Amino acid sequence: MNRNSVSPWNYFTRSVDGKYGTCTIENCEANIMAKGGSTSGLHSHLRTQHKINLLKREDATESSTSIVKTPTNKITSFFKKNTDDSFEAIVSRMVALDGLPFQKLINPSDLRTLH
């Protein structure tokens, strides 16, 4: 049988009640549960007992349609980098990021002198 077959049912015969599949590979004849049409047990049997992995993707060089995996980015890579180093920006970052109360940085008389 061709190992590149997509369906595990190419390696099993379905029982009359549809709850089991019997392996048709030479000298095996294992009965594997396939209740409700589930084929995960069939795939598992083929992979562990016969070294046939039907779920394995082809190499990109062999496949005409390849899946390109993009690297996962951290959430911070989507934000604009902060390059503002003005006094106002530094004080704002200290208050917002460090949780430093603004009242600790400046007293009311200093606020009155700012223009």
PDB file of N, CA and C in Angstrom:
ATOM      1  N   MET A   1       0.822  -1.191   0.000  1.00  0.00           N
ATOM      2  CA  MET A   1       0.000   0.000   0.000  1.00  0.00           C
ATOM      3  C   MET A   1       0.864   1.252   0.000  1.00  0.00           C
ATOM      4  N   ASN A   2       0.384   2.321  -0.563  1.00  0.00           N
ATOM      5  CA  ASN A   2       1.107   3.584  -0.628  1.00  0.00           C
ATOM      6  C   ASN A   2       1.058   4.282   0.728  1.00  0.00           C
ATOM      7  N   ARG A   3       2.220   4.602   1.276  1.00  0.00           N
ATOM      8  CA  ARG A   3       2.265   5.244   2.592  1.00  0.00           C
ATOM      9  C   ARG A   3       1.838   6.705   2.550  1.00  0.00           C
ATOM     10  N   ASN A   4       1.685   7.288   1.383  1.00  0.00           N
ATOM     11  CA  ASN A   4       1.263   8.674   1.261  1.00  0.00           C
ATOM     12  C   ASN A   4      -0.252   8.811   1.176  1.00  0.00           C
ATOM     13  N   SER A   5      -0.975   7.725   1.393  1.00  0.00           N
ATOM     14  CA  SER A   5      -2.436   7.776   1.369  1.00  0.00           C
ATOM     15  C   SER A   5      -2.932   8.683   2.482  1.00  0.00           C
ATOM     16  N   VAL A   6      -3.983   9.418   2.218  1.00  0.00           N
ATOM     17  CA  VAL A   6      -4.481  10.381   3.179  1.00  0.00           C
ATOM     18  C   VAL A   6      -5.360   9.735   4.242  1.00  0.00           C
ATOM     19  N   SER A   7      -6.204   8.819   3.865  1.00  0.00           N
ATOM     20  CA  SER A   7      -7.171   8.244   4.791  1.00  0.00           C
ATOM     21  C   SER A   7      -6.613   7.012   5.503  1.00  0.00           C
ATOM     22  N   PRO A   8      -6.779   6.948   6.830  1.00  0.00           N
ATOM     23  CA  PRO A   8      -6.339   5.746   7.538  1.00  0.00           C
ATOM     24  C   PRO A   8      -7.196   4.537   7.191  1.00  0.00           C
ATOM     25  N   TRP A   9      -8.374   4.772   6.630  1.00  0.00           N
ATOM     26  CA  TRP A   9      -9.248   3.660   6.267  1.00  0.00           C
ATOM     27  C   TRP A   9      -8.672   2.832   5.117  1.00  0.00           C
ATOM     28  N   ASN A  10      -7.612   3.320   4.471  1.00  0.00           N
ATOM     29  CA  ASN A  10      -6.925   2.517   3.452  1.00  0.00           C
ATOM     30  C   ASN A  10      -6.176   1.358   4.098  1.00  0.00           C
ATOM     31  N   TYR A  11      -5.974   1.417   5.407  1.00  0.00           N
ATOM     32  CA  TYR A  11      -5.240   0.390   6.148  1.00  0.00           C
ATOM     33  C   TYR A  11      -6.143  -0.414   7.085  1.00  0.00           C
ATOM     34  N   PHE A  12      -7.435  -0.103   7.105  1.00  0.00           N
ATOM     35  CA  PHE A  12      -8.375  -0.767   8.014  1.00  0.00           C
ATOM     36  C   PHE A  12      -9.641  -1.146   7.266  1.00  0.00           C
ATOM     37  N   THR A  13     -10.307  -2.184   7.780  1.00  0.00           N
ATOM     38  CA  THR A  13     -11.660  -2.479   7.309  1.00  0.00           C
ATOM     39  C   THR A  13     -12.608  -2.149   8.451  1.00  0.00           C
ATOM     40  N   ARG A  14     -13.686  -1.477   8.102  1.00  0.00           N
ATOM     41  CA  ARG A  14     -14.651  -1.028   9.105  1.00  0.00           C
ATOM     42  C   ARG A  14     -15.556  -2.188   9.511  1.00  0.00           C
ATOM     43  N   SER A  15     -15.830  -2.283  10.816  1.00  0.00           N
ATOM     44  CA  SER A  15     -16.744  -3.317  11.289  1.00  0.00           C
ATOM     45  C   SER A  15     -18.158  -2.987  10.834  1.00  0.00           C
ATOM     46  N   VAL A  16     -19.034  -3.982  10.897  1.00  0.00           N
ATOM     47  CA  VAL A  16     -20.414  -3.812  10.440  1.00  0.00           C
ATOM     48  C   VAL A  16     -21.124  -2.723  11.239  1.00  0.00           C
ATOM     49  N   ASP A  17     -20.882  -2.672  12.539  1.00  0.00           N
ATOM     50  CA  ASP A  17     -21.534  -1.650  13.365  1.00  0.00           C
ATOM     51  C   ASP A  17     -20.833  -0.298  13.283  1.00  0.00           C
ATOM     52  N   GLY A  18     -19.666  -0.220  12.639  1.00  0.00           N
ATOM     53  CA  GLY A  18     -18.960   1.035  12.445  1.00  0.00           C
ATOM     54  C   GLY A  18     -18.189   1.532  13.654  1.00  0.00           C
ATOM     55  N   LYS A  19     -18.089   0.705  14.710  1.00  0.00           N
ATOM     56  CA  LYS A  19     -17.415   1.136  15.931  1.00  0.00           C
ATOM     57  C   LYS A  19     -15.933   0.788  15.960  1.00  0.00           C
ATOM     58  N   TYR A  20     -15.504  -0.108  15.111  1.00  0.00           N
ATOM     59  CA  TYR A  20     -14.123  -0.572  15.116  1.00  0.00           C
ATOM     60  C   TYR A  20     -13.568  -0.622  13.701  1.00  0.00           C
ATOM     61  N   GLY A  21     -12.240  -0.569  13.643  1.00  0.00           N
ATOM     62  CA  GLY A  21     -11.545  -0.799  12.393  1.00  0.00           C
ATOM     63  C   GLY A  21     -10.529  -1.897  12.630  1.00  0.00           C
ATOM     64  N   THR A  22     -10.431  -2.847  11.716  1.00  0.00           N
ATOM     65  CA  THR A  22      -9.478  -3.953  11.825  1.00  0.00           C
ATOM     66  C   THR A  22      -8.315  -3.672  10.882  1.00  0.00           C
ATOM     67  N   CYS A  23      -7.118  -3.665  11.440  1.00  0.00           N
ATOM     68  CA  CYS A  23      -5.923  -3.363  10.664  1.00  0.00           C
ATOM     69  C   CYS A  23      -5.705  -4.446   9.610  1.00  0.00           C
ATOM     70  N   THR A  24      -5.444  -4.026   8.385  1.00  0.00           N
ATOM     71  CA  THR A  24      -5.249  -4.976   7.286  1.00  0.00           C
ATOM     72  C   THR A  24      -3.777  -5.157   6.930  1.00  0.00           C
ATOM     73  N   ILE A  25      -2.896  -4.539   7.692  1.00  0.00           N
ATOM     74  CA  ILE A  25      -1.468  -4.701   7.439  1.00  0.00           C
ATOM     75  C   ILE A  25      -1.072  -6.112   7.855  1.00  0.00           C
ATOM     76  N   GLU A  26      -0.204  -6.706   7.074  1.00  0.00           N
ATOM     77  CA  GLU A  26       0.192  -8.107   7.229  1.00  0.00           C
ATOM     78  C   GLU A  26       0.538  -8.460   8.678  1.00  0.00           C
ATOM     79  N   ASN A  27      -0.066  -9.536   9.186  1.00  0.00           N
ATOM     80  CA  ASN A  27       0.170 -10.107  10.517  1.00  0.00           C
ATOM     81  C   ASN A  27      -0.231  -9.188  11.667  1.00  0.00           C
ATOM     82  N   CYS A  28      -1.137  -8.265  11.461  1.00  0.00           N
ATOM     83  CA  CYS A  28      -1.532  -7.375  12.558  1.00  0.00           C
ATOM     84  C   CYS A  28      -2.949  -7.684  13.042  1.00  0.00           C
ATOM     85  N   GLU A  29      -3.940  -7.367  12.248  1.00  0.00           N
ATOM     86  CA  GLU A  29      -5.347  -7.614  12.538  1.00  0.00           C
ATOM     87  C   GLU A  29      -5.815  -7.039  13.873  1.00  0.00           C
ATOM     88  N   ALA A  30      -5.233  -5.934  14.314  1.00  0.00           N
ATOM     89  CA  ALA A  30      -5.664  -5.280  15.557  1.00  0.00           C
ATOM     90  C   ALA A  30      -7.007  -4.603  15.341  1.00  0.00           C
ATOM     91  N   ASN A  31      -7.876  -4.681  16.359  1.00  0.00           N
ATOM     92  CA  ASN A  31      -9.170  -4.000  16.323  1.00  0.00           C
ATOM     93  C   ASN A  31      -9.021  -2.690  17.090  1.00  0.00           C
ATOM     94  N   ILE A  32      -9.252  -1.586  16.391  1.00  0.00           N
ATOM     95  CA  ILE A  32      -9.078  -0.260  16.964  1.00  0.00           C
ATOM     96  C   ILE A  32     -10.433   0.438  16.990  1.00  0.00           C
ATOM     97  N   MET A  33     -10.744   1.053  18.141  1.00  0.00           N
ATOM     98  CA  MET A  33     -12.006   1.774  18.299  1.00  0.00           C
ATOM     99  C   MET A  33     -12.045   2.957  17.338  1.00  0.00           C
ATOM    100  N   ALA A  34     -13.166   3.100  16.626  1.00  0.00           N
ATOM    101  CA  ALA A  34     -13.374   4.216  15.697  1.00  0.00           C
ATOM    102  C   ALA A  34     -14.811   4.702  15.827  1.00  0.00           C
ATOM    103  N   LYS A  35     -15.280   4.800  17.049  1.00  0.00           N
ATOM    104  CA  LYS A  35     -16.664   5.160  17.334  1.00  0.00           C
ATOM    105  C   LYS A  35     -16.975   6.573  16.836  1.00  0.00           C
ATOM    106  N   GLY A  36     -18.097   6.714  16.192  1.00  0.00           N
ATOM    107  CA  GLY A  36     -18.527   8.016  15.705  1.00  0.00           C
ATOM    108  C   GLY A  36     -17.730   8.522  14.520  1.00  0.00           C
ATOM    109  N   GLY A  37     -16.974   7.651  13.882  1.00  0.00           N
ATOM    110  CA  GLY A  37     -16.188   8.067  12.725  1.00  0.00           C
ATOM    111  C   GLY A  37     -14.835   8.656  13.081  1.00  0.00           C
ATOM    112  N   SER A  38     -14.479   8.650  14.361  1.00  0.00           N
ATOM    113  CA  SER A  38     -13.191   9.191  14.775  1.00  0.00           C
ATOM    114  C   SER A  38     -12.058   8.319  14.261  1.00  0.00           C
ATOM    115  N   THR A  39     -11.040   8.964  13.704  1.00  0.00           N
ATOM    116  CA  THR A  39      -9.905   8.217  13.162  1.00  0.00           C
ATOM    117  C   THR A  39      -8.623   8.439  13.962  1.00  0.00           C
ATOM    118  N   SER A  40      -8.692   9.135  15.087  1.00  0.00           N
ATOM    119  CA  SER A  40      -7.474   9.413  15.854  1.00  0.00           C
ATOM    120  C   SER A  40      -6.831   8.131  16.361  1.00  0.00           C
ATOM    121  N   GLY A  41      -7.622   7.154  16.776  1.00  0.00           N
ATOM    122  CA  GLY A  41      -7.076   5.876  17.221  1.00  0.00           C
ATOM    123  C   GLY A  41      -6.418   5.110  16.084  1.00  0.00           C
ATOM    124  N   LEU A  42      -7.000   5.215  14.895  1.00  0.00           N
ATOM    125  CA  LEU A  42      -6.429   4.562  13.724  1.00  0.00           C
ATOM    126  C   LEU A  42      -5.084   5.190  13.368  1.00  0.00           C
ATOM    127  N   HIS A  43      -5.035   6.506  13.382  1.00  0.00           N
ATOM    128  CA  HIS A  43      -3.779   7.213  13.114  1.00  0.00           C
ATOM    129  C   HIS A  43      -2.722   6.845  14.149  1.00  0.00           C
ATOM    130  N   SER A  44      -3.127   6.793  15.403  1.00  0.00           N
ATOM    131  CA  SER A  44      -2.190   6.459  16.481  1.00  0.00           C
ATOM    132  C   SER A  44      -1.634   5.049  16.303  1.00  0.00           C
ATOM    133  N   HIS A  45      -2.488   4.098  15.967  1.00  0.00           N
ATOM    134  CA  HIS A  45      -2.051   2.716  15.745  1.00  0.00           C
ATOM    135  C   HIS A  45      -1.051   2.648  14.591  1.00  0.00           C
ATOM    136  N   LEU A  46      -1.369   3.299  13.490  1.00  0.00           N
ATOM    137  CA  LEU A  46      -0.471   3.279  12.337  1.00  0.00           C
ATOM    138  C   LEU A  46       0.880   3.903  12.667  1.00  0.00           C
ATOM    139  N   ARG A  47       0.854   5.002  13.431  1.00  0.00           N
ATOM    140  CA  ARG A  47       2.089   5.701  13.770  1.00  0.00           C
ATOM    141  C   ARG A  47       2.959   4.900  14.738  1.00  0.00           C
ATOM    142  N   THR A  48       2.346   4.312  15.775  1.00  0.00           N
ATOM    143  CA  THR A  48       3.135   3.639  16.808  1.00  0.00           C
ATOM    144  C   THR A  48       3.500   2.203  16.446  1.00  0.00           C
ATOM    145  N   GLN A  49       2.622   1.495  15.777  1.00  0.00           N
ATOM    146  CA  GLN A  49       2.866   0.085  15.497  1.00  0.00           C
ATOM    147  C   GLN A  49       3.526  -0.175  14.144  1.00  0.00           C
ATOM    148  N   HIS A  50       3.243   0.702  13.179  1.00  0.00           N
ATOM    149  CA  HIS A  50       3.723   0.442  11.822  1.00  0.00           C
ATOM    150  C   HIS A  50       4.602   1.570  11.274  1.00  0.00           C
ATOM    151  N   LYS A  51       4.858   2.600  12.074  1.00  0.00           N
ATOM    152  CA  LYS A  51       5.700   3.740  11.673  1.00  0.00           C
ATOM    153  C   LYS A  51       5.178   4.431  10.412  1.00  0.00           C
ATOM    154  N   ILE A  52       3.854   4.518  10.307  1.00  0.00           N
ATOM    155  CA  ILE A  52       3.201   5.205   9.194  1.00  0.00           C
ATOM    156  C   ILE A  52       2.511   6.434   9.768  1.00  0.00           C
ATOM    157  N   ASN A  53       2.989   7.612   9.369  1.00  0.00           N
ATOM    158  CA  ASN A  53       2.406   8.853   9.877  1.00  0.00           C
ATOM    159  C   ASN A  53       1.682   9.560   8.730  1.00  0.00           C
ATOM    160  N   LEU A  54       0.382   9.400   8.681  1.00  0.00           N
ATOM    161  CA  LEU A  54      -0.413  10.005   7.621  1.00  0.00           C
ATOM    162  C   LEU A  54      -0.645  11.485   7.850  1.00  0.00           C
ATOM    163  N   LEU A  55      -0.421  11.960   9.066  1.00  0.00           N
ATOM    164  CA  LEU A  55      -0.665  13.357   9.386  1.00  0.00           C
ATOM    165  C   LEU A  55       0.569  14.220   9.179  1.00  0.00           C
ATOM    166  N   LYS A  56       1.698  13.610   8.890  1.00  0.00           N
ATOM    167  CA  LYS A  56       2.947  14.345   8.708  1.00  0.00           C
ATOM    168  C   LYS A  56       2.895  15.137   7.414  1.00  0.00           C
ATOM    169  N   ARG A  57       3.304  16.419   7.495  1.00  0.00           N
ATOM    170  CA  ARG A  57       3.341  17.267   6.316  1.00  0.00           C
ATOM    171  C   ARG A  57       4.571  16.942   5.492  1.00  0.00           C
ATOM    172  N   GLU A  58       4.445  17.154   4.178  1.00  0.00           N
ATOM    173  CA  GLU A  58       5.571  16.943   3.280  1.00  0.00           C
ATOM    174  C   GLU A  58       6.587  18.062   3.484  1.00  0.00           C
ATOM    175  N   ASP A  59       7.847  17.818   3.119  1.00  0.00           N
ATOM    176  CA  ASP A  59       8.859  18.864   3.153  1.00  0.00           C
ATOM    177  C   ASP A  59       8.501  19.919   2.125  1.00  0.00           C
ATOM    178  N   ALA A  60       8.909  21.140   2.372  1.00  0.00           N
ATOM    179  CA  ALA A  60       8.599  22.249   1.462  1.00  0.00           C
ATOM    180  C   ALA A  60       9.216  22.019   0.090  1.00  0.00           C
ATOM    181  N   THR A  61      10.333  21.298   0.021  1.00  0.00           N
ATOM    182  CA  THR A  61      10.970  21.051  -1.270  1.00  0.00           C
ATOM    183  C   THR A  61      10.196  20.036  -2.092  1.00  0.00           C
ATOM    184  N   GLU A  62       9.457  19.157  -1.438  1.00  0.00           N
ATOM    185  CA  GLU A  62       8.699  18.128  -2.132  1.00  0.00           C
ATOM    186  C   GLU A  62       7.292  18.574  -2.495  1.00  0.00           C
ATOM    187  N   SER A  63       6.782  19.547  -1.777  1.00  0.00           N
ATOM    188  CA  SER A  63       5.398  19.954  -1.950  1.00  0.00           C
ATOM    189  C   SER A  63       5.288  21.138  -2.890  1.00  0.00           C
ATOM    190  N   SER A  64       4.250  21.130  -3.715  1.00  0.00           N
ATOM    191  CA  SER A  64       4.038  22.252  -4.616  1.00  0.00           C
ATOM    192  C   SER A  64       3.430  23.426  -3.859  1.00  0.00           C
ATOM    193  N   THR A  65       2.687  23.147  -2.787  1.00  0.00           N
ATOM    194  CA  THR A  65       2.146  24.204  -1.946  1.00  0.00           C
ATOM    195  C   THR A  65       2.770  24.054  -0.578  1.00  0.00           C
ATOM    196  N   SER A  66       3.604  24.988  -0.222  1.00  0.00           N
ATOM    197  CA  SER A  66       4.286  24.892   1.067  1.00  0.00           C
ATOM    198  C   SER A  66       3.675  25.863   2.061  1.00  0.00           C
ATOM    199  N   ILE A  67       3.730  25.488   3.303  1.00  0.00           N
ATOM    200  CA  ILE A  67       3.240  26.322   4.383  1.00  0.00           C
ATOM    201  C   ILE A  67       4.433  27.076   4.944  1.00  0.00           C
ATOM    202  N   VAL A  68       4.352  28.389   4.936  1.00  0.00           N
ATOM    203  CA  VAL A  68       5.449  29.203   5.440  1.00  0.00           C
ATOM    204  C   VAL A  68       5.118  29.604   6.861  1.00  0.00           C
ATOM    205  N   LYS A  69       5.976  29.222   7.774  1.00  0.00           N
ATOM    206  CA  LYS A  69       5.760  29.562   9.167  1.00  0.00           C
ATOM    207  C   LYS A  69       6.454  30.880   9.466  1.00  0.00           C
ATOM    208  N   THR A  70       5.680  31.826   9.949  1.00  0.00           N
ATOM    209  CA  THR A  70       6.256  33.113  10.298  1.00  0.00           C
ATOM    210  C   THR A  70       6.605  33.110  11.773  1.00  0.00           C
ATOM    211  N   PRO A  71       7.684  33.791  12.138  1.00  0.00           N
ATOM    212  CA  PRO A  71       8.054  33.818  13.549  1.00  0.00           C
ATOM    213  C   PRO A  71       7.009  34.570  14.355  1.00  0.00           C
ATOM    214  N   THR A  72       6.782  34.110  15.558  1.00  0.00           N
ATOM    215  CA  THR A  72       5.812  34.774  16.419  1.00  0.00           C
ATOM    216  C   THR A  72       6.456  36.002  17.036  1.00  0.00           C
ATOM    217  N   ASN A  73       5.720  37.083  17.047  1.00  0.00           N
ATOM    218  CA  ASN A  73       6.220  38.335  17.589  1.00  0.00           C
ATOM    219  C   ASN A  73       5.694  38.542  18.990  1.00  0.00           C
ATOM    220  N   LYS A  74       6.493  39.231  19.802  1.00  0.00           N
ATOM    221  CA  LYS A  74       6.021  39.624  21.124  1.00  0.00           C
ATOM    222  C   LYS A  74       5.050  40.775  20.944  1.00  0.00           C
ATOM    223  N   ILE A  75       4.149  40.931  21.879  1.00  0.00           N
ATOM    224  CA  ILE A  75       3.146  41.982  21.778  1.00  0.00           C
ATOM    225  C   ILE A  75       3.800  43.355  21.747  1.00  0.00           C
ATOM    226  N   THR A  76       4.939  43.522  22.399  1.00  0.00           N
ATOM    227  CA  THR A  76       5.602  44.823  22.430  1.00  0.00           C
ATOM    228  C   THR A  76       6.169  45.226  21.073  1.00  0.00           C
ATOM    229  N   SER A  77       6.366  44.278  20.170  1.00  0.00           N
ATOM    230  CA  SER A  77       6.905  44.623  18.857  1.00  0.00           C
ATOM    231  C   SER A  77       5.887  45.372  17.997  1.00  0.00           C
ATOM    232  N   PHE A  78       4.619  45.382  18.386  1.00  0.00           N
ATOM    233  CA  PHE A  78       3.596  46.076  17.625  1.00  0.00           C
ATOM    234  C   PHE A  78       3.421  47.530  18.065  1.00  0.00           C
ATOM    235  N   PHE A  79       4.059  47.921  19.158  1.00  0.00           N
ATOM    236  CA  PHE A  79       3.936  49.275  19.662  1.00  0.00           C
ATOM    237  C   PHE A  79       5.060  50.156  19.137  1.00  0.00           C
ATOM    238  N   LYS A  80       4.776  51.423  19.006  1.00  0.00           N
ATOM    239  CA  LYS A  80       5.771  52.391  18.560  1.00  0.00           C
ATOM    240  C   LYS A  80       6.835  52.530  19.644  1.00  0.00           C
ATOM    241  N   LYS A  81       8.080  52.532  19.210  1.00  0.00           N
ATOM    242  CA  LYS A  81       9.185  52.684  20.148  1.00  0.00           C
ATOM    243  C   LYS A  81       9.190  54.106  20.687  1.00  0.00           C
ATOM    244  N   ASN A  82       9.415  54.246  21.996  1.00  0.00           N
ATOM    245  CA  ASN A  82       9.412  55.550  22.636  1.00  0.00           C
ATOM    246  C   ASN A  82      10.798  56.173  22.514  1.00  0.00           C
ATOM    247  N   THR A  83      10.895  57.265  21.745  1.00  0.00           N
ATOM    248  CA  THR A  83      12.184  57.932  21.570  1.00  0.00           C
ATOM    249  C   THR A  83      12.167  59.346  22.125  1.00  0.00           C
ATOM    250  N   ASP A  84      11.072  59.748  22.731  1.00  0.00           N
ATOM    251  CA  ASP A  84      10.958  61.099  23.278  1.00  0.00           C
ATOM    252  C   ASP A  84      11.629  61.137  24.647  1.00  0.00           C
ATOM    253  N   ASP A  85      12.707  61.906  24.752  1.00  0.00           N
ATOM    254  CA  ASP A  85      13.417  62.025  26.025  1.00  0.00           C
ATOM    255  C   ASP A  85      13.328  63.428  26.596  1.00  0.00           C
ATOM    256  N   SER A  86      12.244  64.131  26.257  1.00  0.00           N
ATOM    257  CA  SER A  86      12.053  65.463  26.835  1.00  0.00           C
ATOM    258  C   SER A  86      11.691  65.317  28.312  1.00  0.00           C
ATOM    259  N   PHE A  87      11.809  66.410  29.043  1.00  0.00           N
ATOM    260  CA  PHE A  87      11.497  66.383  30.474  1.00  0.00           C
ATOM    261  C   PHE A  87      10.070  65.913  30.716  1.00  0.00           C
ATOM    262  N   GLU A  88       9.145  66.456  29.908  1.00  0.00           N
ATOM    263  CA  GLU A  88       7.740  66.089  30.058  1.00  0.00           C
ATOM    264  C   GLU A  88       7.518  64.602  29.820  1.00  0.00           C
ATOM    265  N   ALA A  89       8.192  64.049  28.807  1.00  0.00           N
ATOM    266  CA  ALA A  89       8.029  62.631  28.493  1.00  0.00           C
ATOM    267  C   ALA A  89       8.613  61.753  29.597  1.00  0.00           C
ATOM    268  N   ILE A  90       9.758  62.161  30.143  1.00  0.00           N
ATOM    269  CA  ILE A  90      10.379  61.382  31.223  1.00  0.00           C
ATOM    270  C   ILE A  90       9.498  61.379  32.457  1.00  0.00           C
ATOM    271  N   VAL A  91       8.965  62.539  32.827  1.00  0.00           N
ATOM    272  CA  VAL A  91       8.069  62.613  33.998  1.00  0.00           C
ATOM    273  C   VAL A  91       6.814  61.800  33.743  1.00  0.00           C
ATOM    274  N   SER A  92       6.269  61.883  32.544  1.00  0.00           N
ATOM    275  CA  SER A  92       5.063  61.112  32.225  1.00  0.00           C
ATOM    276  C   SER A  92       5.315  59.613  32.334  1.00  0.00           C
ATOM    277  N   ARG A  93       6.470  59.148  31.831  1.00  0.00           N
ATOM    278  CA  ARG A  93       6.798  57.722  31.941  1.00  0.00           C
ATOM    279  C   ARG A  93       6.986  57.306  33.386  1.00  0.00           C
ATOM    280  N   MET A  94       7.617  58.174  34.200  1.00  0.00           N
ATOM    281  CA  MET A  94       7.816  57.842  35.616  1.00  0.00           C
ATOM    282  C   MET A  94       6.478  57.670  36.321  1.00  0.00           C
ATOM    283  N   VAL A  95       5.519  58.533  36.000  1.00  0.00           N
ATOM    284  CA  VAL A  95       4.202  58.459  36.629  1.00  0.00           C
ATOM    285  C   VAL A  95       3.425  57.255  36.102  1.00  0.00           C
ATOM    286  N   ALA A  96       3.419  57.062  34.782  1.00  0.00           N
ATOM    287  CA  ALA A  96       2.602  56.016  34.172  1.00  0.00           C
ATOM    288  C   ALA A  96       3.183  54.624  34.366  1.00  0.00           C
ATOM    289  N   LEU A  97       4.464  54.457  34.137  1.00  0.00           N
ATOM    290  CA  LEU A  97       5.060  53.119  34.160  1.00  0.00           C
ATOM    291  C   LEU A  97       5.536  52.692  35.543  1.00  0.00           C
ATOM    292  N   ASP A  98       6.116  53.618  36.278  1.00  0.00           N
ATOM    293  CA  ASP A  98       6.676  53.263  37.579  1.00  0.00           C
ATOM    294  C   ASP A  98       5.675  53.400  38.713  1.00  0.00           C
ATOM    295  N   GLY A  99       4.528  54.007  38.425  1.00  0.00           N
ATOM    296  CA  GLY A  99       3.513  54.167  39.460  1.00  0.00           C
ATOM    297  C   GLY A  99       3.892  55.221  40.490  1.00  0.00           C
ATOM    298  N   LEU A 100       4.811  56.088  40.118  1.00  0.00           N
ATOM    299  CA  LEU A 100       5.248  57.142  41.025  1.00  0.00           C
ATOM    300  C   LEU A 100       4.192  58.237  41.060  1.00  0.00           C
ATOM    301  N   PRO A 101       3.681  58.582  42.240  1.00  0.00           N
ATOM    302  CA  PRO A 101       2.655  59.634  42.303  1.00  0.00           C
ATOM    303  C   PRO A 101       3.217  60.972  41.828  1.00  0.00           C
ATOM    304  N   PHE A 102       2.474  61.676  41.016  1.00  0.00           N
ATOM    305  CA  PHE A 102       2.904  62.951  40.468  1.00  0.00           C
ATOM    306  C   PHE A 102       3.152  63.969  41.569  1.00  0.00           C
ATOM    307  N   GLN A 103       2.381  63.895  42.652  1.00  0.00           N
ATOM    308  CA  GLN A 103       2.548  64.831  43.766  1.00  0.00           C
ATOM    309  C   GLN A 103       3.925  64.725  44.416  1.00  0.00           C
ATOM    310  N   LYS A 104       4.559  63.569  44.317  1.00  0.00           N
ATOM    311  CA  LYS A 104       5.897  63.395  44.873  1.00  0.00           C
ATOM    312  C   LYS A 104       6.958  64.075  44.018  1.00  0.00           C
ATOM    313  N   LEU A 105       6.647  64.302  42.737  1.00  0.00           N
ATOM    314  CA  LEU A 105       7.611  64.903  41.835  1.00  0.00           C
ATOM    315  C   LEU A 105       7.589  66.431  41.863  1.00  0.00           C
ATOM    316  N   ILE A 106       6.431  67.007  42.121  1.00  0.00           N
ATOM    317  CA  ILE A 106       6.299  68.450  42.015  1.00  0.00           C
ATOM    318  C   ILE A 106       5.303  68.952  43.050  1.00  0.00           C
ATOM    319  N   ASN A 107       5.574  70.072  43.647  1.00  0.00           N
ATOM    320  CA  ASN A 107       4.635  70.619  44.626  1.00  0.00           C
ATOM    321  C   ASN A 107       3.829  71.733  43.982  1.00  0.00           C
ATOM    322  N   PRO A 108       2.722  72.155  44.584  1.00  0.00           N
ATOM    323  CA  PRO A 108       1.834  73.153  43.965  1.00  0.00           C
ATOM    324  C   PRO A 108       2.510  74.477  43.628  1.00  0.00           C
ATOM    325  N   SER A 109       3.475  74.942  44.402  1.00  0.00           N
ATOM    326  CA  SER A 109       4.118  76.212  44.080  1.00  0.00           C
ATOM    327  C   SER A 109       4.932  76.113  42.803  1.00  0.00           C
ATOM    328  N   ASP A 110       5.536  74.933  42.561  1.00  0.00           N
ATOM    329  CA  ASP A 110       6.269  74.726  41.321  1.00  0.00           C
ATOM    330  C   ASP A 110       5.318  74.708  40.123  1.00  0.00           C
ATOM    331  N   LEU A 111       4.121  74.162  40.300  1.00  0.00           N
ATOM    332  CA  LEU A 111       3.137  74.129  39.224  1.00  0.00           C
ATOM    333  C   LEU A 111       2.722  75.539  38.808  1.00  0.00           C
ATOM    334  N   ARG A 112       2.620  76.431  39.783  1.00  0.00           N
ATOM    335  CA  ARG A 112       2.192  77.803  39.470  1.00  0.00           C
ATOM    336  C   ARG A 112       3.235  78.536  38.625  1.00  0.00           C
ATOM    337  N   THR A 113       4.506  78.174  38.761  1.00  0.00           N
ATOM    338  CA  THR A 113       5.539  78.879  38.024  1.00  0.00           C
ATOM    339  C   THR A 113       5.728  78.337  36.611  1.00  0.00           C
ATOM    340  N   LEU A 114       5.177  77.192  36.301  1.00  0.00           N
ATOM    341  CA  LEU A 114       5.294  76.626  34.951  1.00  0.00           C
ATOM    342  C   LEU A 114       4.423  77.392  33.972  1.00  0.00           C
ATOM    343  N   HIS A 115       4.887  77.623  32.787  1.00  0.00           N
ATOM    344  CA  HIS A 115       4.090  78.312  31.756  1.00  0.00           C
ATOM    345  C   HIS A 115       3.896  77.416  30.588  1.00  0.00           C
TER     346      HIS A 115
END
